PDB file of all heavy atoms in Angstrom:
ATOM      1  N   SER A   1      16.307  41.963-213.359  1.00  0.00           N
ATOM      2  CA  SER A   1      17.628  42.263-212.800  1.00  0.00           C
ATOM      3  C   SER A   1      17.527  42.660-211.325  1.00  0.00           C
ATOM      4  O   SER A   1      16.543  43.274-210.886  1.00  0.00           O
ATOM      5  CB  SER A   1      18.287  43.406-213.572  1.00  0.00           C
ATOM      6  OG  SER A   1      18.462  43.059-214.925  1.00  0.00           O
ATOM      7  N   VAL A   2      18.572  42.317-210.584  1.00  0.00           N
ATOM      8  CA  VAL A   2      18.673  42.666-209.168  1.00  0.00           C
ATOM      9  C   VAL A   2      19.943  43.480-208.947  1.00  0.00           C
ATOM     10  O   VAL A   2      21.012  43.123-209.457  1.00  0.00           O
ATOM     11  CB  VAL A   2      18.709  41.403-208.276  1.00  0.00           C
ATOM     12  CG1 VAL A   2      18.938  41.777-206.811  1.00  0.00           C
ATOM     13  CG2 VAL A   2      17.419  40.598-208.423  1.00  0.00           C
ATOM     14  N   VAL A   3      19.819  44.576-208.213  1.00  0.00           N
ATOM     15  CA  VAL A   3      20.983  45.348-207.780  1.00  0.00           C
ATOM     16  C   VAL A   3      20.975  45.378-206.262  1.00  0.00           C
ATOM     17  O   VAL A   3      19.927  45.193-205.630  1.00  0.00           O
ATOM     18  CB  VAL A   3      20.980  46.783-208.349  1.00  0.00           C
ATOM     19  CG1 VAL A   3      21.050  46.770-209.859  1.00  0.00           C
ATOM     20  CG2 VAL A   3      19.757  47.560-207.872  1.00  0.00           C
ATOM     21  N   PHE A   4      22.140  45.595-205.681  1.00  0.00           N
ATOM     22  CA  PHE A   4      22.243  45.604-204.225  1.00  0.00           C
ATOM     23  C   PHE A   4      22.585  47.002-203.719  1.00  0.00           C
ATOM     24  O   PHE A   4      23.432  47.686-204.286  1.00  0.00           O
ATOM     25  CB  PHE A   4      23.304  44.608-203.755  1.00  0.00           C
ATOM     26  CG  PHE A   4      22.952  43.180-204.051  1.00  0.00           C
ATOM     27  CD1 PHE A   4      23.594  42.481-205.056  1.00  0.00           C
ATOM     28  CD2 PHE A   4      21.951  42.543-203.338  1.00  0.00           C
ATOM     29  CE1 PHE A   4      23.260  41.177-205.346  1.00  0.00           C
ATOM     30  CE2 PHE A   4      21.605  41.231-203.622  1.00  0.00           C
ATOM     31  CZ  PHE A   4      22.261  40.548-204.627  1.00  0.00           C
ATOM     32  N   PHE A   5      21.893  47.402-202.675  1.00  0.00           N
ATOM     33  CA  PHE A   5      22.208  48.637-201.954  1.00  0.00           C
ATOM     34  C   PHE A   5      22.460  48.226-200.502  1.00  0.00           C
ATOM     35  O   PHE A   5      21.549  48.165-199.688  1.00  0.00           O
ATOM     36  CB  PHE A   5      21.050  49.634-202.062  1.00  0.00           C
ATOM     37  CG  PHE A   5      21.236  50.896-201.267  1.00  0.00           C
ATOM     38  CD1 PHE A   5      22.462  51.542-201.246  1.00  0.00           C
ATOM     39  CD2 PHE A   5      20.182  51.438-200.555  1.00  0.00           C
ATOM     40  CE1 PHE A   5      22.644  52.701-200.500  1.00  0.00           C
ATOM     41  CE2 PHE A   5      20.346  52.596-199.820  1.00  0.00           C
ATOM     42  CZ  PHE A   5      21.583  53.232-199.798  1.00  0.00           C
ATOM     43  N   ARG A   6      23.710  47.885-200.235  1.00  0.00           N
ATOM     44  CA  ARG A   6      24.043  47.254-198.953  1.00  0.00           C
ATOM     45  C   ARG A   6      23.991  48.220-197.771  1.00  0.00           C
ATOM     46  O   ARG A   6      24.025  47.792-196.612  1.00  0.00           O
ATOM     47  CB  ARG A   6      25.414  46.583-199.062  1.00  0.00           C
ATOM     48  CG  ARG A   6      25.424  45.484-200.143  1.00  0.00           C
ATOM     49  CD  ARG A   6      26.698  44.671-200.173  1.00  0.00           C
ATOM     50  NE  ARG A   6      26.718  43.766-201.312  1.00  0.00           N
ATOM     51  CZ  ARG A   6      26.110  42.582-201.350  1.00  0.00           C
ATOM     52  NH1 ARG A   6      25.450  42.153-200.299  1.00  0.00           N
ATOM     53  NH2 ARG A   6      26.185  41.824-202.439  1.00  0.00           N
ATOM     54  N   LYS A   7      23.894  49.506-198.050  1.00  0.00           N
ATOM     55  CA  LYS A   7      23.766  50.492-196.967  1.00  0.00           C
ATOM     56  C   LYS A   7      22.302  50.815-196.657  1.00  0.00           C
ATOM     57  O   LYS A   7      22.017  51.704-195.871  1.00  0.00           O
ATOM     58  CB  LYS A   7      24.510  51.774-197.349  1.00  0.00           C
ATOM     59  CG  LYS A   7      26.022  51.616-197.407  1.00  0.00           C
ATOM     60  CD  LYS A   7      26.714  52.940-197.687  1.00  0.00           C
ATOM     61  CE  LYS A   7      28.240  52.768-197.704  1.00  0.00           C
ATOM     62  NZ  LYS A   7      28.937  54.053-197.967  1.00  0.00           N
ATOM     63  N   MET A   8      21.390  50.083-197.286  1.00  0.00           N
ATOM     64  CA  MET A   8      19.966  50.336-197.071  1.00  0.00           C
ATOM     65  C   MET A   8      19.594  50.178-195.593  1.00  0.00           C
ATOM     66  O   MET A   8      19.961  49.192-194.948  1.00  0.00           O
ATOM     67  CB  MET A   8      19.115  49.375-197.910  1.00  0.00           C
ATOM     68  CG  MET A   8      17.618  49.707-197.900  1.00  0.00           C
ATOM     69  SD  MET A   8      16.604  48.397-198.661  1.00  0.00           S
ATOM     70  CE  MET A   8      17.329  48.242-200.286  1.00  0.00           C
ATOM     71  N   VAL A   9      18.881  51.145-195.066  1.00  0.00           N
ATOM     72  CA  VAL A   9      18.440  51.112-193.673  1.00  0.00           C
ATOM     73  C   VAL A   9      16.980  51.551-193.635  1.00  0.00           C
ATOM     74  O   VAL A   9      16.624  52.569-194.250  1.00  0.00           O
ATOM     75  CB  VAL A   9      19.271  52.064-192.783  1.00  0.00           C
ATOM     76  CG1 VAL A   9      18.845  51.932-191.317  1.00  0.00           C
ATOM     77  CG2 VAL A   9      20.760  51.796-192.937  1.00  0.00           C
ATOM     78  N   ASP A  10      16.134  50.791-192.950  1.00  0.00           N
ATOM     79  CA  ASP A  10      14.750  51.234-192.813  1.00  0.00           C
ATOM     80  C   ASP A  10      14.556  51.938-191.474  1.00  0.00           C
ATOM     81  O   ASP A  10      15.282  51.705-190.510  1.00  0.00           O
ATOM     82  CB  ASP A  10      13.759  50.074-192.977  1.00  0.00           C
ATOM     83  CG  ASP A  10      14.086  48.881-192.119  1.00  0.00           C
ATOM     84  OD1 ASP A  10      15.172  48.852-191.527  1.00  0.00           O
ATOM     85  OD2 ASP A  10      13.257  47.962-192.026  1.00  0.00           O
ATOM     86  N   ILE A  11      13.579  52.822-191.439  1.00  0.00           N
ATOM     87  CA  ILE A  11      13.271  53.588-190.235  1.00  0.00           C
ATOM     88  C   ILE A  11      12.808  52.627-189.136  1.00  0.00           C
ATOM     89  O   ILE A  11      12.062  51.684-189.407  1.00  0.00           O
ATOM     90  CB  ILE A  11      12.158  54.616-190.537  1.00  0.00           C
ATOM     91  CG1 ILE A  11      12.641  55.658-191.554  1.00  0.00           C
ATOM     92  CG2 ILE A  11      11.671  55.293-189.267  1.00  0.00           C
ATOM     93  CD1 ILE A  11      13.718  56.575-191.057  1.00  0.00           C
ATOM     94  N   PRO A  12      13.232  52.836-187.872  1.00  0.00           N
ATOM     95  CA  PRO A  12      12.773  51.965-186.782  1.00  0.00           C
ATOM     96  C   PRO A  12      11.251  51.942-186.697  1.00  0.00           C
ATOM     97  O   PRO A  12      10.603  52.997-186.716  1.00  0.00           O
ATOM     98  CB  PRO A  12      13.381  52.621-185.534  1.00  0.00           C
ATOM     99  CG  PRO A  12      14.541  53.412-186.035  1.00  0.00           C
ATOM    100  CD  PRO A  12      14.170  53.872-187.410  1.00  0.00           C
ATOM    101  N   TYR A  13      10.699  50.761-186.627  1.00  0.00           N
ATOM    102  CA  TYR A  13       9.250  50.576-186.634  1.00  0.00           C
ATOM    103  C   TYR A  13       8.775  50.173-185.245  1.00  0.00           C
ATOM    104  O   TYR A  13       9.256  49.204-184.671  1.00  0.00           O
ATOM    105  CB  TYR A  13       8.889  49.516-187.674  1.00  0.00           C
ATOM    106  CG  TYR A  13       7.434  49.135-187.736  1.00  0.00           C
ATOM    107  CD1 TYR A  13       6.448  50.105-187.821  1.00  0.00           C
ATOM    108  CD2 TYR A  13       7.048  47.805-187.722  1.00  0.00           C
ATOM    109  CE1 TYR A  13       5.119  49.759-187.895  1.00  0.00           C
ATOM    110  CE2 TYR A  13       5.722  47.437-187.807  1.00  0.00           C
ATOM    111  CZ  TYR A  13       4.749  48.429-187.893  1.00  0.00           C
ATOM    112  OH  TYR A  13       3.425  48.068-187.961  1.00  0.00           O
ATOM    113  N   ASN A  14       7.812  50.930-184.715  1.00  0.00           N
ATOM    114  CA  ASN A  14       7.265  50.650-183.384  1.00  0.00           C
ATOM    115  C   ASN A  14       8.351  50.606-182.314  1.00  0.00           C
ATOM    116  O   ASN A  14       8.348  49.727-181.442  1.00  0.00           O
ATOM    117  CB  ASN A  14       6.478  49.331-183.387  1.00  0.00           C
ATOM    118  CG  ASN A  14       5.044  49.524-183.840  1.00  0.00           C
ATOM    119  OD1 ASN A  14       4.471  50.582-183.651  1.00  0.00           O
ATOM    120  ND2 ASN A  14       4.475  48.509-184.437  1.00  0.00           N
ATOM    121  N   LYS A  15       9.292  51.548-182.395  1.00  0.00           N
ATOM    122  CA  LYS A  15      10.372  51.627-181.414  1.00  0.00           C
ATOM    123  C   LYS A  15      10.371  52.993-180.745  1.00  0.00           C
ATOM    124  O   LYS A  15      10.020  54.007-181.359  1.00  0.00           O
ATOM    125  CB  LYS A  15      11.737  51.403-182.090  1.00  0.00           C
ATOM    126  CG  LYS A  15      11.897  50.077-182.813  1.00  0.00           C
ATOM    127  CD  LYS A  15      12.023  48.925-181.852  1.00  0.00           C
ATOM    128  CE  LYS A  15      12.296  47.616-182.607  1.00  0.00           C
ATOM    129  NZ  LYS A  15      12.358  46.455-181.710  1.00  0.00           N
ATOM    130  N   ASN A  16      10.784  53.018-179.493  1.00  0.00           N
ATOM    131  CA  ASN A  16      10.935  54.278-178.779  1.00  0.00           C
ATOM    132  C   ASN A  16      11.962  55.152-179.480  1.00  0.00           C
ATOM    133  O   ASN A  16      13.064  54.708-179.792  1.00  0.00           O
ATOM    134  CB  ASN A  16      11.385  53.983-177.336  1.00  0.00           C
ATOM    135  CG  ASN A  16      11.434  55.232-176.482  1.00  0.00           C
ATOM    136  OD1 ASN A  16      11.968  56.255-176.879  1.00  0.00           O
ATOM    137  ND2 ASN A  16      10.854  55.150-175.290  1.00  0.00           N
ATOM    138  N   LEU A  17      11.603  56.413-179.725  1.00  0.00           N
ATOM    139  CA  LEU A  17      12.477  57.325-180.460  1.00  0.00           C
ATOM    140  C   LEU A  17      13.833  57.495-179.788  1.00  0.00           C
ATOM    141  O   LEU A  17      14.862  57.622-180.464  1.00  0.00           O
ATOM    142  CB  LEU A  17      11.794  58.694-180.599  1.00  0.00           C
ATOM    143  CG  LEU A  17      12.617  59.814-181.246  1.00  0.00           C
ATOM    144  CD1 LEU A  17      13.046  59.416-182.649  1.00  0.00           C
ATOM    145  CD2 LEU A  17      11.824  61.113-181.263  1.00  0.00           C
ATOM    146  N   TRP A  18      13.839  57.473-178.448  1.00  0.00           N
ATOM    147  CA  TRP A  18      15.067  57.800-177.717  1.00  0.00           C
ATOM    148  C   TRP A  18      15.868  56.570-177.301  1.00  0.00           C
ATOM    149  O   TRP A  18      16.833  56.678-176.556  1.00  0.00           O
ATOM    150  CB  TRP A  18      14.737  58.654-176.487  1.00  0.00           C
ATOM    151  CG  TRP A  18      13.946  59.876-176.862  1.00  0.00           C
ATOM    152  CD1 TRP A  18      12.651  60.149-176.552  1.00  0.00           C
ATOM    153  CD2 TRP A  18      14.397  60.965-177.685  1.00  0.00           C
ATOM    154  NE1 TRP A  18      12.262  61.335-177.099  1.00  0.00           N
ATOM    155  CE2 TRP A  18      13.321  61.875-177.803  1.00  0.00           C
ATOM    156  CE3 TRP A  18      15.610  61.266-178.320  1.00  0.00           C
ATOM    157  CZ2 TRP A  18      13.414  63.047-178.530  1.00  0.00           C
ATOM    158  CZ3 TRP A  18      15.701  62.440-179.047  1.00  0.00           C
ATOM    159  CH2 TRP A  18      14.617  63.322-179.151  1.00  0.00           C
ATOM    160  N   SER A  19      15.484  55.407-177.793  1.00  0.00           N
ATOM    161  CA  SER A  19      16.274  54.207-177.500  1.00  0.00           C
ATOM    162  C   SER A  19      17.582  54.265-178.293  1.00  0.00           C
ATOM    163  O   SER A  19      17.664  54.909-179.349  1.00  0.00           O
ATOM    164  CB  SER A  19      15.504  52.942-177.876  1.00  0.00           C
ATOM    165  OG  SER A  19      15.384  52.824-179.280  1.00  0.00           O
ATOM    166  N   ILE A  20      18.594  53.598-177.790  1.00  0.00           N
ATOM    167  CA  ILE A  20      19.890  53.587-178.479  1.00  0.00           C
ATOM    168  C   ILE A  20      19.738  53.005-179.878  1.00  0.00           C
ATOM    169  O   ILE A  20      20.314  53.515-180.852  1.00  0.00           O
ATOM    170  CB  ILE A  20      20.927  52.787-177.661  1.00  0.00           C
ATOM    171  CG1 ILE A  20      21.231  53.513-176.341  1.00  0.00           C
ATOM    172  CG2 ILE A  20      22.208  52.586-178.461  1.00  0.00           C
ATOM    173  CD1 ILE A  20      22.133  52.753-175.407  1.00  0.00           C
ATOM    174  N   TYR A  21      18.946  51.947-179.996  1.00  0.00           N
ATOM    175  CA  TYR A  21      18.732  51.312-181.296  1.00  0.00           C
ATOM    176  C   TYR A  21      18.148  52.309-182.299  1.00  0.00           C
ATOM    177  O   TYR A  21      18.644  52.433-183.433  1.00  0.00           O
ATOM    178  CB  TYR A  21      17.794  50.114-181.155  1.00  0.00           C
ATOM    179  CG  TYR A  21      17.370  49.520-182.478  1.00  0.00           C
ATOM    180  CD1 TYR A  21      18.210  48.670-183.185  1.00  0.00           C
ATOM    181  CD2 TYR A  21      16.127  49.836-183.037  1.00  0.00           C
ATOM    182  CE1 TYR A  21      17.837  48.143-184.411  1.00  0.00           C
ATOM    183  CE2 TYR A  21      15.740  49.315-184.261  1.00  0.00           C
ATOM    184  CZ  TYR A  21      16.605  48.467-184.940  1.00  0.00           C
ATOM    185  OH  TYR A  21      16.228  47.955-186.151  1.00  0.00           O
ATOM    186  N   SER A  22      17.092  53.037-181.901  1.00  0.00           N
ATOM    187  CA  SER A  22      16.450  53.980-182.808  1.00  0.00           C
ATOM    188  C   SER A  22      17.398  55.092-183.226  1.00  0.00           C
ATOM    189  O   SER A  22      17.483  55.452-184.406  1.00  0.00           O
ATOM    190  CB  SER A  22      15.204  54.587-182.152  1.00  0.00           C
ATOM    191  OG  SER A  22      14.201  53.621-181.990  1.00  0.00           O
ATOM    192  N   LEU A  23      18.124  55.634-182.280  1.00  0.00           N
ATOM    193  CA  LEU A  23      19.041  56.730-182.583  1.00  0.00           C
ATOM    194  C   LEU A  23      20.127  56.276-183.564  1.00  0.00           C
ATOM    195  O   LEU A  23      20.486  57.003-184.497  1.00  0.00           O
ATOM    196  CB  LEU A  23      19.665  57.269-181.301  1.00  0.00           C
ATOM    197  CG  LEU A  23      18.682  57.975-180.341  1.00  0.00           C
ATOM    198  CD1 LEU A  23      19.379  58.316-179.028  1.00  0.00           C
ATOM    199  CD2 LEU A  23      18.112  59.236-180.984  1.00  0.00           C
ATOM    200  N   LEU A  24      20.633  55.053-183.359  1.00  0.00           N
ATOM    201  CA  LEU A  24      21.642  54.517-184.274  1.00  0.00           C
ATOM    202  C   LEU A  24      21.069  54.308-185.673  1.00  0.00           C
ATOM    203  O   LEU A  24      21.732  54.581-186.681  1.00  0.00           O
ATOM    204  CB  LEU A  24      22.206  53.197-183.735  1.00  0.00           C
ATOM    205  CG  LEU A  24      23.202  53.304-182.569  1.00  0.00           C
ATOM    206  CD1 LEU A  24      23.523  51.919-182.023  1.00  0.00           C
ATOM    207  CD2 LEU A  24      24.481  54.010-183.023  1.00  0.00           C
ATOM    208  N   GLN A  25      19.826  53.826-185.728  1.00  0.00           N
ATOM    209  CA  GLN A  25      19.193  53.600-187.027  1.00  0.00           C
ATOM    210  C   GLN A  25      19.012  54.908-187.795  1.00  0.00           C
ATOM    211  O   GLN A  25      19.286  54.982-188.996  1.00  0.00           O
ATOM    212  CB  GLN A  25      17.832  52.919-186.852  1.00  0.00           C
ATOM    213  CG  GLN A  25      17.912  51.438-186.513  1.00  0.00           C
ATOM    214  CD  GLN A  25      18.470  50.609-187.661  1.00  0.00           C
ATOM    215  OE1 GLN A  25      19.650  50.262-187.661  1.00  0.00           O
ATOM    216  NE2 GLN A  25      17.639  50.291-188.623  1.00  0.00           N
ATOM    217  N   TYR A  26      18.550  55.948-187.096  1.00  0.00           N
ATOM    218  CA  TYR A  26      18.362  57.238-187.769  1.00  0.00           C
ATOM    219  C   TYR A  26      19.698  57.795-188.249  1.00  0.00           C
ATOM    220  O   TYR A  26      19.780  58.416-189.319  1.00  0.00           O
ATOM    221  CB  TYR A  26      17.668  58.230-186.834  1.00  0.00           C
ATOM    222  CG  TYR A  26      16.167  58.059-186.789  1.00  0.00           C
ATOM    223  CD1 TYR A  26      15.536  57.498-185.671  1.00  0.00           C
ATOM    224  CD2 TYR A  26      15.369  58.442-187.862  1.00  0.00           C
ATOM    225  CE1 TYR A  26      14.163  57.334-185.629  1.00  0.00           C
ATOM    226  CE2 TYR A  26      13.986  58.270-187.825  1.00  0.00           C
ATOM    227  CZ  TYR A  26      13.392  57.720-186.710  1.00  0.00           C
ATOM    228  OH  TYR A  26      12.035  57.551-186.684  1.00  0.00           O
ATOM    229  N   PHE A  27      20.747  57.559-187.476  1.00  0.00           N
ATOM    230  CA  PHE A  27      22.085  58.005-187.881  1.00  0.00           C
ATOM    231  C   PHE A  27      22.527  57.255-189.149  1.00  0.00           C
ATOM    232  O   PHE A  27      23.045  57.853-190.097  1.00  0.00           O
ATOM    233  CB  PHE A  27      23.079  57.759-186.744  1.00  0.00           C
ATOM    234  CG  PHE A  27      24.500  58.125-187.085  1.00  0.00           C
ATOM    235  CD1 PHE A  27      24.890  59.450-187.207  1.00  0.00           C
ATOM    236  CD2 PHE A  27      25.446  57.128-187.299  1.00  0.00           C
ATOM    237  CE1 PHE A  27      26.204  59.789-187.530  1.00  0.00           C
ATOM    238  CE2 PHE A  27      26.762  57.449-187.622  1.00  0.00           C
ATOM    239  CZ  PHE A  27      27.132  58.786-187.742  1.00  0.00           C
ATOM    240  N   LYS A  28      22.265  55.934-189.180  1.00  0.00           N
ATOM    241  CA  LYS A  28      22.624  55.133-190.354  1.00  0.00           C
ATOM    242  C   LYS A  28      21.813  55.551-191.579  1.00  0.00           C
ATOM    243  O   LYS A  28      22.328  55.581-192.699  1.00  0.00           O
ATOM    244  CB  LYS A  28      22.381  53.650-190.069  1.00  0.00           C
ATOM    245  CG  LYS A  28      23.353  53.027-189.067  1.00  0.00           C
ATOM    246  CD  LYS A  28      22.981  51.570-188.832  1.00  0.00           C
ATOM    247  CE  LYS A  28      23.868  50.917-187.797  1.00  0.00           C
ATOM    248  NZ  LYS A  28      23.450  49.519-187.525  1.00  0.00           N
TER     249      LYS A  28
END
């Protein structure tokens, strides 16, 4: 069986902590 978790977010990998992308990902 497969279930979906559409809000799944993985931690930014090899990204600067203070980049806009990283900050948005941690918020998500």
